[in-house]
Amino acid sequence: MQDRITTGAQSLQCPICEDHGLEPVGYNSARCPSCRAVISGPLLGTLIWISQLPDAVGRHACECGHPEMRLLPDGVYRCPACAAEVTPIPHPS
């Protein structure tokens, strides 16, 4: 489980302070260097599972200030904060 915390393009973000990435400590647990929260067990497993979902979070910020919109299966981006939806403009060939 420790490899899944730090491998890939980004490490898992702390769900408490959302300031830093989690660092593995011991077996099946991680600690945030900023707020010192310890995440372990089912919560850590769920975070890892969510981070491995394809297109779990989009790359587009919303006008309401929410940092990322979710990409829905029909190709529309939806903001989880204000429920705004945006249809991407296709690139010209």
C-alpha atoms as a PDB file:
ATOM      1  CA  MET A   1       0.000   0.000   0.000  1.00  0.00           C
ATOM      2  CA  GLN A   2       2.926   2.357   0.638  1.00  0.00           C
ATOM      3  CA  ASP A   3       3.895   2.291  -3.045  1.00  0.00           C
ATOM      4  CA  ARG A   4       0.431   3.490  -4.039  1.00  0.00           C
ATOM      5  CA  ILE A   5       0.684   6.555  -1.789  1.00  0.00           C
ATOM      6  CA  THR A   6       3.757   8.002  -3.520  1.00  0.00           C
ATOM      7  CA  THR A   7       3.889   6.512  -7.024  1.00  0.00           C
ATOM      8  CA  GLY A   8       2.417   8.142 -10.076  1.00  0.00           C
ATOM      9  CA  ALA A   9       2.360  11.768 -11.115  1.00  0.00           C
ATOM     10  CA  GLN A  10       1.105  12.998  -7.717  1.00  0.00           C
ATOM     11  CA  SER A  11       0.955  11.709  -4.188  1.00  0.00           C
ATOM     12  CA  LEU A  12      -2.344  11.518  -2.350  1.00  0.00           C
ATOM     13  CA  GLN A  13      -3.455  14.873  -0.898  1.00  0.00           C
ATOM     14  CA  CYS A  14      -4.316  15.124   2.784  1.00  0.00           C
ATOM     15  CA  PRO A  15      -8.136  14.998   3.112  1.00  0.00           C
ATOM     16  CA  ILE A  16      -7.991  17.018   6.344  1.00  0.00           C
ATOM     17  CA  CYS A  17      -6.002  20.143   5.417  1.00  0.00           C
ATOM     18  CA  GLU A  18      -5.727  19.618   1.608  1.00  0.00           C
ATOM     19  CA  ASP A  19      -2.342  21.342   1.850  1.00  0.00           C
ATOM     20  CA  HIS A  20       0.284  18.611   1.370  1.00  0.00           C
ATOM     21  CA  GLY A  21       0.677  15.123   0.027  1.00  0.00           C
ATOM     22  CA  LEU A  22       0.576  12.157   2.385  1.00  0.00           C
ATOM     23  CA  GLU A  23       3.782  10.368   3.353  1.00  0.00           C
ATOM     24  CA  PRO A  24       3.771   6.641   4.183  1.00  0.00           C
ATOM     25  CA  VAL A  25       4.462   5.708   7.812  1.00  0.00           C
ATOM     26  CA  GLY A  26       4.371   2.095   8.864  1.00  0.00           C
ATOM     27  CA  TYR A  27       2.080  -0.461   7.276  1.00  0.00           C
ATOM     28  CA  ASN A  28      -1.281   0.707   5.924  1.00  0.00           C
ATOM     29  CA  SER A  29      -0.978   4.267   7.205  1.00  0.00           C
ATOM     30  CA  ALA A  30       0.141   7.714   6.034  1.00  0.00           C
ATOM     31  CA  ARG A  31       0.798  11.067   7.699  1.00  0.00           C
ATOM     32  CA  CYS A  32       0.419  14.639   6.496  1.00  0.00           C
ATOM     33  CA  PRO A  33       3.591  16.671   7.136  1.00  0.00           C
ATOM     34  CA  SER A  34       1.533  19.866   7.395  1.00  0.00           C
ATOM     35  CA  CYS A  35      -1.279  19.102   9.860  1.00  0.00           C
ATOM     36  CA  ARG A  36       0.228  15.811  11.160  1.00  0.00           C
ATOM     37  CA  ALA A  37      -3.030  13.914  10.628  1.00  0.00           C
ATOM     38  CA  VAL A  38      -2.629  10.154  10.397  1.00  0.00           C
ATOM     39  CA  ILE A  39      -4.774   8.416   7.783  1.00  0.00           C
ATOM     40  CA  SER A  40      -5.020   4.635   7.918  1.00  0.00           C
ATOM     41  CA  GLY A  41      -7.176   1.604   7.358  1.00  0.00           C
ATOM     42  CA  PRO A  42     -10.368   1.881   5.309  1.00  0.00           C
ATOM     43  CA  LEU A  43     -10.064   5.647   4.795  1.00  0.00           C
ATOM     44  CA  LEU A  44      -6.600   5.321   3.257  1.00  0.00           C
ATOM     45  CA  GLY A  45      -7.778   2.393   1.143  1.00  0.00           C
ATOM     46  CA  THR A  46     -10.731   4.422  -0.122  1.00  0.00           C
ATOM     47  CA  LEU A  47      -8.490   7.393  -1.009  1.00  0.00           C
ATOM     48  CA  ILE A  48      -6.173   5.105  -2.969  1.00  0.00           C
ATOM     49  CA  TRP A  49      -9.122   3.487  -4.736  1.00  0.00           C
ATOM     50  CA  ILE A  50     -10.609   6.865  -5.700  1.00  0.00           C
ATOM     51  CA  SER A  51      -7.258   8.159  -6.952  1.00  0.00           C
ATOM     52  CA  GLN A  52      -6.958   5.180  -9.290  1.00  0.00           C
ATOM     53  CA  LEU A  53     -10.337   5.708 -10.947  1.00  0.00           C
ATOM     54  CA  PRO A  54     -10.020   6.816 -14.576  1.00  0.00           C
ATOM     55  CA  ASP A  55     -11.080  10.436 -15.065  1.00  0.00           C
ATOM     56  CA  ALA A  56     -12.275  10.647 -11.462  1.00  0.00           C
ATOM     57  CA  VAL A  57     -11.622  14.396 -11.465  1.00  0.00           C
ATOM     58  CA  GLY A  58     -11.351  16.714 -14.434  1.00  0.00           C
ATOM     59  CA  ARG A  59      -8.711  19.341 -15.067  1.00  0.00           C
ATOM     60  CA  HIS A  60     -11.033  22.312 -15.493  1.00  0.00           C
ATOM     61  CA  ALA A  61     -11.638  24.871 -12.748  1.00  0.00           C
ATOM     62  CA  CYS A  62     -15.146  26.230 -12.237  1.00  0.00           C
ATOM     63  CA  GLU A  63     -16.081  29.920 -12.286  1.00  0.00           C
ATOM     64  CA  CYS A  64     -17.482  29.542  -8.753  1.00  0.00           C
ATOM     65  CA  GLY A  65     -13.943  29.000  -7.478  1.00  0.00           C
ATOM     66  CA  HIS A  66     -14.001  25.219  -7.082  1.00  0.00           C
ATOM     67  CA  PRO A  67     -10.603  23.955  -8.322  1.00  0.00           C
ATOM     68  CA  GLU A  68     -11.744  21.001 -10.417  1.00  0.00           C
ATOM     69  CA  MET A  69     -14.834  19.853 -12.264  1.00  0.00           C
ATOM     70  CA  ARG A  70     -15.714  16.170 -12.678  1.00  0.00           C
ATOM     71  CA  LEU A  71     -15.846  14.654 -16.151  1.00  0.00           C
ATOM     72  CA  LEU A  72     -19.138  12.794 -16.591  1.00  0.00           C
ATOM     73  CA  PRO A  73     -19.415   9.738 -18.879  1.00  0.00           C
ATOM     74  CA  ASP A  74     -21.286  11.766 -21.527  1.00  0.00           C
ATOM     75  CA  GLY A  75     -18.299  14.143 -21.913  1.00  0.00           C
ATOM     76  CA  VAL A  76     -19.746  17.025 -19.876  1.00  0.00           C
ATOM     77  CA  TYR A  77     -17.820  18.580 -16.979  1.00  0.00           C
ATOM     78  CA  ARG A  78     -19.883  19.138 -13.790  1.00  0.00           C
ATOM     79  CA  CYS A  79     -18.882  21.175 -10.753  1.00  0.00           C
ATOM     80  CA  PRO A  80     -19.492  19.290  -7.493  1.00  0.00           C
ATOM     81  CA  ALA A  81     -19.849  22.593  -5.593  1.00  0.00           C
ATOM     82  CA  CYS A  82     -22.390  24.577  -7.646  1.00  0.00           C
ATOM     83  CA  ALA A  83     -23.645  21.908 -10.124  1.00  0.00           C
ATOM     84  CA  ALA A  84     -22.677  24.009 -13.169  1.00  0.00           C
ATOM     85  CA  GLU A  85     -22.153  21.968 -16.336  1.00  0.00           C
ATOM     86  CA  VAL A  86     -19.766  22.744 -19.205  1.00  0.00           C
ATOM     87  CA  THR A  87     -19.619  21.004 -22.572  1.00  0.00           C
ATOM     88  CA  PRO A  88     -16.098  21.085 -24.021  1.00  0.00           C
ATOM     89  CA  ILE A  89     -15.682  22.682 -27.448  1.00  0.00           C
ATOM     90  CA  PRO A  90     -14.281  20.184 -29.958  1.00  0.00           C
ATOM     91  CA  HIS A  91     -10.850  20.982 -31.371  1.00  0.00           C
ATOM     92  CA  PRO A  92     -10.838  21.871 -35.098  1.00  0.00           C
ATOM     93  CA  SER A  93      -9.216  19.271 -37.310  1.00  0.00           C
END
